[in-house]
Amino acid sequence: MSEVTGTATAFDPQSPSFAADPYPAYAALRASGRVHWYEPTGQWLIPHHQDVQTLLRDRRLGRTYLHRFTHEEFGRTPPPAAHEPFHTLNDHGLLDLEDPDHGRIRRLVSQAFTPRRVRELAPAVTRRADELVAALVADGGGDLVTAVAEPLPVAVIADLLGIPEADRPLLRPWSADICGMYELNPAEETARRAVRASVEFSAYLRELIADRRRTPGPDLISALIAVHDAGDRLTEQEMVSTCVLLLNAGHEATVNSTGNGWLALLRHPEQLAALRSDPGLLPGAVEELLRYDTPLHLFERWVLDDIDVAGTRIPRGSEVALLFGSANRDPARFPAPDRFDITRPDNPHLSFGAGVHYCLGAPLARLELSAVCEALLRRAPGIRLAAEPRRKKGYVIRGLAELRVETAPGLPPRAPLRP
């Protein structure tokens, strides 16, 4: 059995210094082996790109085990009864299901969440991003996270779902409380907040779904009610869980990618200058923003049947922690991986996962990131850091709580980029 020993003991998700910069610990993990047992969380750590990518596609692993085993059969303790509202909500979403339910729900949801629909959203996303950036510039700067990164994806997903404007302030707090449960070993207070948010968010969506059944509209909830395939339909719980997942995953990743990415650009002025001088670099820059400081650093899988990684047997009932943040900095796959390079020609990052659970919203996330970057490049040519950024406490979902910037006055915006 491999153990986290020597320099690799720097892996400490509960440490603020580790969460602030986990990349040296990742390098130590990769150098000392391909698989490590980490006792504090009872997980096998997988730090290398090839192994992470392979295991994401390996059907002997799953996001859940309940489609094959009871908790007792799998050697696991059921979650506390008091946490049931969170688990009911979470366990019926695409992210935490396996086939046959995962394939059925993904097929149905995909009918209403197509690439064509994302393309149709582009003008509205671009307009909202431009309005938010224009307001930031008019104020001479401010917190890029709260002024631009947070409101854009929340508005986009709320528009998509058809959530009334007056109700939208409820969404971000509910999402933040629910996502707290995705951190390692969450505290009981975190669980209580997640349960409360799950109950409130579910009740709100059930009322909204009932309203859309009576009066369908051009929104995604109405479309989810209507979609069917070979007699299959989404249950009400599946619709509620799907809507929550679309909101949580659909904006948490974009918020954190925007903050992390613009911090990287502002700390690498030569890269920002290159992007400003050649907007054609934007698609590659978006991929590098996602790779260099990914918003999701760890993704868990249950071992449903024994597997072998580099000669280490990992038995059924174990949990593996696939380290996306480490995989995206693996020198075996990315030359000079710690260099931020928006012209990187080959960038197979794993920030959206791989295999059957590949992120359904990846095209929308790329669209939102591109829209924010284009608006900031055009409207804020003199943007600069105004203060040291402040990170959120979490490690698994890693992002900034605050990114204060200044925008130079008196510089006219350029014309928008043309597709």
Protein backbone atom coordinates (compact mmCIF):
# COMPACT_ATOMS: atom_id res chain seq x y z
CA MET A 1 0.00 0.00 0.00
CA SER A 2 1.36 3.42 -0.97
CA GLU A 3 1.15 6.07 1.70
CA VAL A 4 1.35 9.84 1.72
CA THR A 5 4.82 10.21 3.18
CA GLY A 6 7.86 12.48 3.04
CA THR A 7 7.36 15.67 1.06
CA ALA A 8 3.84 14.58 0.09
CA THR A 9 2.60 15.20 3.63
CA ALA A 10 2.11 18.77 2.40
CA PHE A 11 -1.26 17.53 1.06
CA ASP A 12 -3.52 19.01 3.71
CA PRO A 13 -6.94 20.20 2.47
CA GLN A 14 -7.80 21.66 5.87
CA SER A 15 -4.79 23.98 5.84
CA PRO A 16 -5.38 27.57 4.63
CA SER A 17 -1.86 27.72 3.20
CA PHE A 18 -2.44 24.53 1.22
CA ALA A 19 -5.78 25.79 -0.12
CA ALA A 20 -4.12 29.07 -1.11
CA ASP A 21 -1.55 27.23 -3.25
CA PRO A 22 -1.92 23.43 -3.53
CA TYR A 23 0.37 23.09 -6.55
CA PRO A 24 3.67 22.37 -4.73
CA ALA A 25 1.93 19.57 -2.80
CA TYR A 26 0.57 18.18 -6.06
CA ALA A 27 4.08 18.15 -7.54
CA ALA A 28 5.29 16.21 -4.51
CA LEU A 29 2.47 13.70 -4.86
CA ARG A 30 3.20 13.12 -8.54
CA ALA A 31 6.91 12.72 -7.88
CA SER A 32 6.39 10.17 -5.12
CA GLY A 33 3.93 7.86 -6.87
CA ARG A 34 0.77 7.33 -8.85
CA VAL A 35 -1.54 6.40 -5.99
CA HIS A 36 -1.50 7.38 -2.30
CA TRP A 37 -3.63 6.40 0.68
CA TYR A 38 -4.74 9.48 2.62
CA GLU A 39 -5.93 8.50 6.08
CA PRO A 40 -7.70 11.75 7.17
CA THR A 41 -10.36 11.36 4.48
CA GLY A 42 -10.09 7.60 3.87
CA GLN A 43 -9.41 8.09 0.16
CA TRP A 44 -6.92 7.00 -2.47
CA LEU A 45 -5.38 10.09 -4.07
CA ILE A 46 -4.78 9.94 -7.84
CA PRO A 47 -2.57 12.85 -8.99
CA HIS A 48 -1.47 12.02 -12.58
CA HIS A 49 -3.29 13.19 -15.71
CA GLN A 50 -3.33 9.82 -17.50
CA ASP A 51 -4.61 7.96 -14.45
CA VAL A 52 -7.30 10.55 -13.70
CA GLN A 53 -8.49 10.52 -17.30
CA THR A 54 -8.51 6.72 -17.42
CA LEU A 55 -10.42 6.33 -14.16
CA LEU A 56 -13.01 8.93 -15.18
CA ARG A 57 -13.89 6.57 -18.05
CA ASP A 58 -13.65 3.33 -16.07
CA ARG A 59 -17.13 1.91 -15.43
CA ARG A 60 -15.83 -0.08 -12.47
CA LEU A 61 -16.00 3.24 -10.64
CA GLY A 62 -19.13 5.28 -9.99
CA ARG A 63 -20.44 8.47 -8.50
CA THR A 64 -22.77 6.30 -6.44
CA TYR A 65 -22.91 2.67 -5.42
CA LEU A 66 -26.59 2.52 -4.48
CA HIS A 67 -27.61 1.26 -7.93
CA ARG A 68 -25.76 -1.97 -7.08
CA PHE A 69 -25.34 -2.20 -3.31
CA THR A 70 -26.92 -1.13 -0.06
CA HIS A 71 -24.79 0.95 2.29
CA GLU A 72 -24.24 -2.14 4.43
CA GLU A 73 -23.27 -4.37 1.50
CA PHE A 74 -20.75 -1.77 0.41
CA GLY A 75 -19.26 -1.49 3.89
CA ARG A 76 -20.43 2.08 4.38
CA THR A 77 -22.46 3.77 7.10
CA PRO A 78 -25.68 5.39 5.86
CA PRO A 79 -25.76 9.19 6.20
CA PRO A 80 -27.53 10.60 9.26
CA ALA A 81 -31.31 10.72 8.94
CA ALA A 82 -31.21 14.48 9.62
CA HIS A 83 -29.27 14.95 6.35
CA GLU A 84 -31.94 13.19 4.25
CA PRO A 85 -33.28 16.31 2.44
CA PHE A 86 -29.80 17.09 1.09
CA HIS A 87 -29.17 13.52 -0.04
CA THR A 88 -32.59 13.19 -1.68
CA LEU A 89 -31.91 16.34 -3.66
CA ASN A 90 -28.30 15.46 -4.46
CA ASP A 91 -28.77 11.76 -5.21
CA HIS A 92 -31.40 12.35 -7.92
CA GLY A 93 -29.21 14.70 -9.95
CA LEU A 94 -27.14 13.76 -12.98
CA LEU A 95 -23.87 14.30 -11.15
CA ASP A 96 -24.51 11.55 -8.60
CA LEU A 97 -26.36 8.95 -10.64
CA GLU A 98 -25.16 5.96 -12.62
CA ASP A 99 -26.85 3.98 -15.37
CA PRO A 100 -29.55 3.20 -16.10
CA ASP A 101 -30.94 6.36 -14.44
CA HIS A 102 -28.00 8.56 -15.41
CA GLY A 103 -28.25 7.71 -19.11
CA ARG A 104 -32.03 8.10 -19.12
CA ILE A 105 -32.01 11.51 -17.41
CA ARG A 106 -29.04 12.83 -19.39
CA ARG A 107 -30.75 11.81 -22.64
CA LEU A 108 -33.94 13.60 -21.63
CA VAL A 109 -32.20 16.73 -20.34
CA SER A 110 -30.00 16.90 -23.43
CA GLN A 111 -33.11 17.29 -25.58
CA ALA A 112 -33.80 20.60 -23.86
CA PHE A 113 -30.16 21.68 -23.37
CA THR A 114 -28.69 21.36 -26.85
CA PRO A 115 -25.65 23.09 -28.41
CA ARG A 116 -28.11 24.95 -30.63
CA ARG A 117 -29.85 26.32 -27.54
CA VAL A 118 -26.49 27.49 -26.18
CA ARG A 119 -25.73 29.25 -29.47
CA GLU A 120 -29.09 30.97 -29.25
CA LEU A 121 -28.14 32.25 -25.78
CA ALA A 122 -24.94 33.90 -27.07
CA PRO A 123 -26.38 37.38 -27.83
CA ALA A 124 -28.06 37.63 -24.42
CA VAL A 125 -24.94 36.37 -22.59
CA THR A 126 -22.74 38.84 -24.47
CA ARG A 127 -25.12 41.72 -23.73
CA ARG A 128 -25.32 40.92 -20.00
CA ALA A 129 -21.54 40.57 -19.71
CA ASP A 130 -21.06 43.90 -21.48
CA GLU A 131 -23.57 45.66 -19.20
CA LEU A 132 -21.92 44.31 -16.04
CA VAL A 133 -18.43 45.26 -17.18
CA ALA A 134 -19.61 48.70 -18.30
CA ALA A 135 -21.00 49.33 -14.81
CA LEU A 136 -17.73 48.18 -13.23
CA VAL A 137 -15.75 50.54 -15.46
CA ALA A 138 -18.14 53.43 -14.78
CA ASP A 139 -17.44 52.99 -11.05
CA GLY A 140 -13.69 53.07 -11.68
CA GLY A 141 -13.41 49.45 -10.61
CA GLY A 142 -14.57 47.32 -7.71
CA ASP A 143 -14.84 43.66 -6.83
CA LEU A 144 -14.76 41.71 -10.08
CA VAL A 145 -16.28 38.68 -8.35
CA THR A 146 -19.44 40.32 -7.02
CA ALA A 147 -19.79 42.87 -9.84
CA VAL A 148 -19.31 40.56 -12.83
CA ALA A 149 -18.32 36.94 -12.13
CA GLU A 150 -21.27 36.09 -9.85
CA PRO A 151 -24.22 37.92 -11.41
CA LEU A 152 -23.61 36.83 -15.00
CA PRO A 153 -23.98 33.02 -14.70
CA VAL A 154 -26.75 33.33 -12.10
CA ALA A 155 -28.71 35.54 -14.51
CA VAL A 156 -28.03 33.23 -17.46
CA ILE A 157 -29.17 30.08 -15.66
CA ALA A 158 -32.15 31.89 -14.12
CA ASP A 159 -33.16 33.12 -17.59
CA LEU A 160 -32.76 29.60 -18.94
CA LEU A 161 -34.92 28.10 -16.19
CA GLY A 162 -37.45 30.93 -16.29
CA ILE A 163 -36.97 32.01 -12.67
CA PRO A 164 -38.64 35.39 -12.02
CA GLU A 165 -36.31 38.35 -11.49
CA ALA A 166 -37.64 39.04 -8.00
CA ASP A 167 -36.72 35.54 -6.80
CA ARG A 168 -33.14 35.48 -8.07
CA PRO A 169 -31.45 36.82 -4.91
CA LEU A 170 -32.46 33.54 -3.25
CA LEU A 171 -30.45 31.41 -5.65
CA ARG A 172 -26.83 32.22 -4.83
CA PRO A 173 -27.16 31.68 -1.03
CA TRP A 174 -28.99 28.38 -1.55
CA SER A 175 -26.33 27.24 -3.98
CA ALA A 176 -23.43 28.23 -1.72
CA ASP A 177 -24.94 26.38 1.25
CA ILE A 178 -25.59 23.21 -0.75
CA CYS A 179 -22.12 23.23 -2.33
CA GLY A 180 -20.54 23.38 1.12
CA MET A 181 -21.28 19.64 1.38
CA TYR A 182 -18.91 18.89 -1.48
CA GLU A 183 -15.88 19.83 0.61
CA LEU A 184 -13.96 17.07 2.38
CA ASN A 185 -15.30 16.11 5.82
CA PRO A 186 -17.86 18.95 6.05
CA ALA A 187 -18.75 20.10 9.55
CA GLU A 188 -22.18 19.45 11.04
CA GLU A 189 -23.05 23.15 10.80
CA THR A 190 -22.26 23.00 7.08
CA ALA A 191 -24.62 20.02 6.81
CA ARG A 192 -27.39 21.88 8.65
CA ARG A 193 -27.12 24.82 6.25
CA ALA A 194 -27.15 22.46 3.27
CA VAL A 195 -30.23 20.65 4.57
CA ARG A 196 -32.08 23.91 5.14
CA ALA A 197 -31.15 25.18 1.68
CA SER A 198 -32.18 21.84 0.12
CA VAL A 199 -35.61 22.00 1.75
CA GLU A 200 -36.20 25.63 0.78
CA PHE A 201 -34.85 25.34 -2.76
CA SER A 202 -36.82 22.13 -3.42
CA ALA A 203 -40.08 23.66 -2.15
CA TYR A 204 -39.53 26.74 -4.31
CA LEU A 205 -38.90 24.67 -7.44
CA ARG A 206 -41.90 22.40 -6.83
CA GLU A 207 -44.13 25.48 -6.80
CA LEU A 208 -42.47 26.78 -9.96
CA ILE A 209 -42.85 23.40 -11.71
CA ALA A 210 -46.54 23.29 -10.75
CA ASP A 211 -46.99 26.77 -12.22
CA ARG A 212 -45.24 25.75 -15.47
CA ARG A 213 -47.47 22.66 -15.73
CA ARG A 214 -50.48 24.99 -15.69
CA THR A 215 -48.91 27.66 -17.89
CA PRO A 216 -45.94 26.45 -19.96
CA GLY A 217 -43.46 29.03 -21.22
CA PRO A 218 -40.36 29.19 -23.43
CA ASP A 219 -38.11 28.19 -20.52
CA LEU A 220 -36.11 25.09 -19.66
CA ILE A 221 -38.42 23.99 -16.83
CA SER A 222 -41.34 23.89 -19.27
CA ALA A 223 -39.16 21.98 -21.71
CA LEU A 224 -38.13 19.47 -19.02
CA ILE A 225 -41.80 18.87 -18.22
CA ALA A 226 -42.50 18.23 -21.90
CA VAL A 227 -39.52 16.08 -22.93
CA HIS A 228 -39.99 12.36 -23.29
CA ASP A 229 -38.33 9.49 -25.07
CA ALA A 230 -39.81 6.03 -25.59
CA GLY A 231 -42.33 6.71 -22.84
CA ASP A 232 -39.72 7.93 -20.31
CA ARG A 233 -40.28 11.18 -18.47
CA LEU A 234 -38.53 12.95 -15.64
CA THR A 235 -40.14 12.51 -12.24
CA GLU A 236 -40.80 15.66 -10.26
CA GLN A 237 -37.86 14.90 -7.95
CA GLU A 238 -35.60 14.38 -10.95
CA MET A 239 -36.71 17.73 -12.36
CA VAL A 240 -36.08 19.48 -9.03
CA SER A 241 -32.64 17.88 -8.69
CA THR A 242 -31.78 18.66 -12.31
CA CYS A 243 -32.69 22.34 -11.91
CA VAL A 244 -30.61 22.62 -8.74
CA LEU A 245 -27.66 20.91 -10.41
CA LEU A 246 -27.88 23.20 -13.45
CA LEU A 247 -27.83 26.23 -11.18
CA ASN A 248 -25.09 25.00 -8.84
CA ALA A 249 -22.77 23.49 -11.43
CA GLY A 250 -23.78 26.03 -14.07
CA HIS A 251 -22.63 29.02 -12.12
CA GLU A 252 -20.15 27.85 -9.47
CA ALA A 253 -17.67 26.77 -12.16
CA THR A 254 -18.04 29.99 -14.15
CA VAL A 255 -17.78 32.25 -11.09
CA ASN A 256 -14.58 30.60 -9.93
CA SER A 257 -13.08 30.24 -13.42
CA THR A 258 -13.65 33.94 -14.04
CA GLY A 259 -12.06 35.01 -10.77
CA ASN A 260 -9.17 32.54 -10.91
CA GLY A 261 -8.58 33.26 -14.58
CA TRP A 262 -8.51 37.03 -14.32
CA LEU A 263 -6.20 36.84 -11.33
CA ALA A 264 -3.83 34.80 -13.52
CA LEU A 265 -4.09 37.34 -16.35
CA LEU A 266 -3.49 40.30 -14.03
CA ARG A 267 -0.46 38.56 -12.51
CA HIS A 268 0.93 37.80 -15.97
CA PRO A 269 0.75 41.18 -17.69
CA GLU A 270 2.67 39.97 -20.74
CA GLN A 271 -0.05 37.37 -21.37
CA LEU A 272 -2.79 39.96 -20.87
CA ALA A 273 -1.02 42.31 -23.28
CA ALA A 274 -0.72 39.54 -25.87
CA LEU A 275 -4.42 38.76 -25.58
CA ARG A 276 -5.35 42.41 -25.81
CA SER A 277 -3.27 42.87 -28.95
CA ASP A 278 -4.63 39.72 -30.62
CA PRO A 279 -8.25 38.90 -29.69
CA GLY A 280 -7.98 35.83 -31.89
CA LEU A 281 -6.13 34.22 -28.99
CA LEU A 282 -9.29 34.29 -26.85
CA PRO A 283 -10.50 30.69 -27.42
CA GLY A 284 -7.11 29.28 -26.44
CA ALA A 285 -6.90 31.71 -23.52
CA VAL A 286 -10.21 30.44 -22.14
CA GLU A 287 -8.87 26.88 -22.17
CA GLU A 288 -5.71 27.98 -20.38
CA LEU A 289 -7.75 29.84 -17.75
CA LEU A 290 -9.61 26.60 -17.10
CA ARG A 291 -6.41 24.53 -16.92
CA TYR A 292 -4.08 26.79 -15.00
CA ASP A 293 -6.25 27.22 -11.90
CA THR A 294 -9.24 24.93 -12.29
CA PRO A 295 -12.35 25.70 -10.22
CA LEU A 296 -12.82 22.03 -9.21
CA HIS A 297 -9.74 20.40 -7.70
CA LEU A 298 -11.00 17.03 -6.56
CA PHE A 299 -13.68 14.69 -7.89
CA GLU A 300 -14.65 11.55 -6.00
CA ARG A 301 -15.50 8.08 -7.32
CA TRP A 302 -16.56 4.90 -5.54
CA VAL A 303 -14.79 1.66 -6.49
CA LEU A 304 -17.57 -0.75 -7.50
CA ASP A 305 -15.22 -3.58 -8.48
CA ASP A 306 -11.57 -4.08 -7.57
CA ILE A 307 -9.14 -2.06 -9.68
CA ASP A 308 -5.36 -1.88 -9.98
CA VAL A 309 -3.44 1.38 -10.31
CA ALA A 310 0.31 1.07 -10.85
CA GLY A 311 0.41 -2.26 -9.06
CA THR A 312 -1.66 -1.10 -6.10
CA ARG A 313 -4.91 -3.01 -5.63
CA ILE A 314 -7.79 -0.73 -4.67
CA PRO A 315 -10.64 -2.93 -3.40
CA ARG A 316 -14.36 -2.60 -3.91
CA GLY A 317 -15.87 -0.26 -1.33
CA SER A 318 -12.97 2.20 -1.49
CA GLU A 319 -13.19 5.82 -2.56
CA VAL A 320 -10.74 7.46 -4.94
CA ALA A 321 -10.06 11.19 -5.07
CA LEU A 322 -9.23 12.22 -8.63
CA LEU A 323 -7.09 15.34 -8.33
CA PHE A 324 -8.10 17.53 -11.26
CA GLY A 325 -5.89 20.38 -10.08
CA SER A 326 -2.84 18.11 -10.08
CA ALA A 327 -3.74 16.41 -13.38
CA ASN A 328 -3.96 19.81 -15.07
CA ARG A 329 -0.38 20.61 -13.95
CA ASP A 330 1.13 17.21 -14.82
CA PRO A 331 4.42 17.72 -16.72
CA ALA A 332 3.94 14.34 -18.39
CA ARG A 333 1.02 15.88 -20.31
CA PHE A 334 1.67 19.65 -20.27
CA PRO A 335 5.14 21.03 -21.08
CA ALA A 336 6.14 23.62 -18.45
CA PRO A 337 2.81 23.05 -16.65
CA ASP A 338 3.31 25.83 -14.08
CA ARG A 339 3.71 28.40 -16.84
CA PHE A 340 0.57 30.36 -17.68
CA ASP A 341 0.52 30.38 -21.48
CA ILE A 342 -2.55 31.48 -23.42
CA THR A 343 -0.92 30.27 -26.66
CA ARG A 344 -0.52 26.69 -25.38
CA PRO A 345 -1.18 24.62 -28.53
CA ASP A 346 -2.29 21.35 -26.94
CA ASN A 347 -4.48 21.73 -23.87
CA PRO A 348 -6.43 18.56 -22.94
CA HIS A 349 -7.32 19.78 -19.44
CA LEU A 350 -9.79 17.80 -17.35
CA SER A 351 -11.66 20.73 -15.82
CA PHE A 352 -14.97 19.51 -17.29
CA GLY A 353 -14.26 15.86 -16.48
CA ALA A 354 -14.40 13.00 -18.98
CA GLY A 355 -16.50 9.97 -19.81
CA VAL A 356 -20.24 9.65 -19.22
CA HIS A 357 -20.21 12.40 -16.58
CA TYR A 358 -18.52 14.97 -18.82
CA CYS A 359 -20.01 18.36 -17.96
CA LEU A 360 -23.23 18.94 -19.89
CA GLY A 361 -22.84 22.71 -19.44
CA ALA A 362 -19.28 22.99 -20.78
CA PRO A 363 -20.33 24.93 -23.93
CA LEU A 364 -22.27 27.43 -21.81
CA ALA A 365 -19.36 27.87 -19.37
CA ARG A 366 -17.00 28.58 -22.28
CA LEU A 367 -19.48 31.06 -23.73
CA GLU A 368 -19.77 32.94 -20.43
CA LEU A 369 -16.01 33.04 -19.86
CA SER A 370 -15.43 34.30 -23.40
CA ALA A 371 -18.10 36.99 -23.03
CA VAL A 372 -16.60 38.34 -19.80
CA CYS A 373 -13.07 38.30 -21.21
CA GLU A 374 -14.11 40.07 -24.40
CA ALA A 375 -15.99 42.78 -22.50
CA LEU A 376 -13.12 43.39 -20.06
CA LEU A 377 -10.52 43.48 -22.82
CA ARG A 378 -12.59 45.97 -24.77
CA ARG A 379 -13.96 48.20 -22.02
CA ALA A 380 -11.19 48.05 -19.40
CA PRO A 381 -7.83 48.28 -21.21
CA GLY A 382 -6.18 49.70 -18.09
CA ILE A 383 -7.52 47.14 -15.60
CA ARG A 384 -5.17 46.33 -12.73
CA LEU A 385 -5.23 44.78 -9.27
CA ALA A 386 -6.31 47.19 -6.55
CA ALA A 387 -5.64 44.90 -3.57
CA GLU A 388 -4.47 41.41 -2.74
CA PRO A 389 -7.23 38.94 -3.68
CA ARG A 390 -9.07 37.05 -0.97
CA ARG A 391 -9.78 33.35 -1.44
CA LYS A 392 -12.78 31.39 -0.28
CA LYS A 393 -12.19 28.87 2.48
CA GLY A 394 -13.00 25.80 0.39
CA TYR A 395 -10.48 23.59 -1.37
CA VAL A 396 -12.53 21.19 -3.52
CA ILE A 397 -14.44 24.05 -5.15
CA ARG A 398 -11.65 26.61 -5.28
CA GLY A 399 -12.24 30.26 -6.05
CA LEU A 400 -11.96 33.85 -4.92
CA ALA A 401 -14.17 35.60 -2.42
CA GLU A 402 -12.95 38.98 -3.68
CA LEU A 403 -10.87 40.31 -6.57
CA ARG A 404 -10.67 44.09 -6.34
CA VAL A 405 -9.58 45.87 -9.50
CA GLU A 406 -9.14 49.42 -10.76
CA THR A 407 -10.01 50.51 -14.28
CA ALA A 408 -8.15 53.42 -15.86
CA PRO A 409 -10.52 56.29 -16.74
CA GLY A 410 -10.63 58.13 -20.03
CA LEU A 411 -9.87 55.20 -22.35
CA PRO A 412 -12.61 54.57 -24.92
CA PRO A 413 -13.80 51.01 -25.43
CA ARG A 414 -12.93 49.15 -28.61
CA ALA A 415 -15.61 47.83 -30.94
CA PRO A 416 -16.98 44.42 -29.96
CA LEU A 417 -15.36 41.32 -31.40
CA ARG A 418 -17.19 39.72 -34.30
CA PRO A 419 -17.75 35.94 -34.33
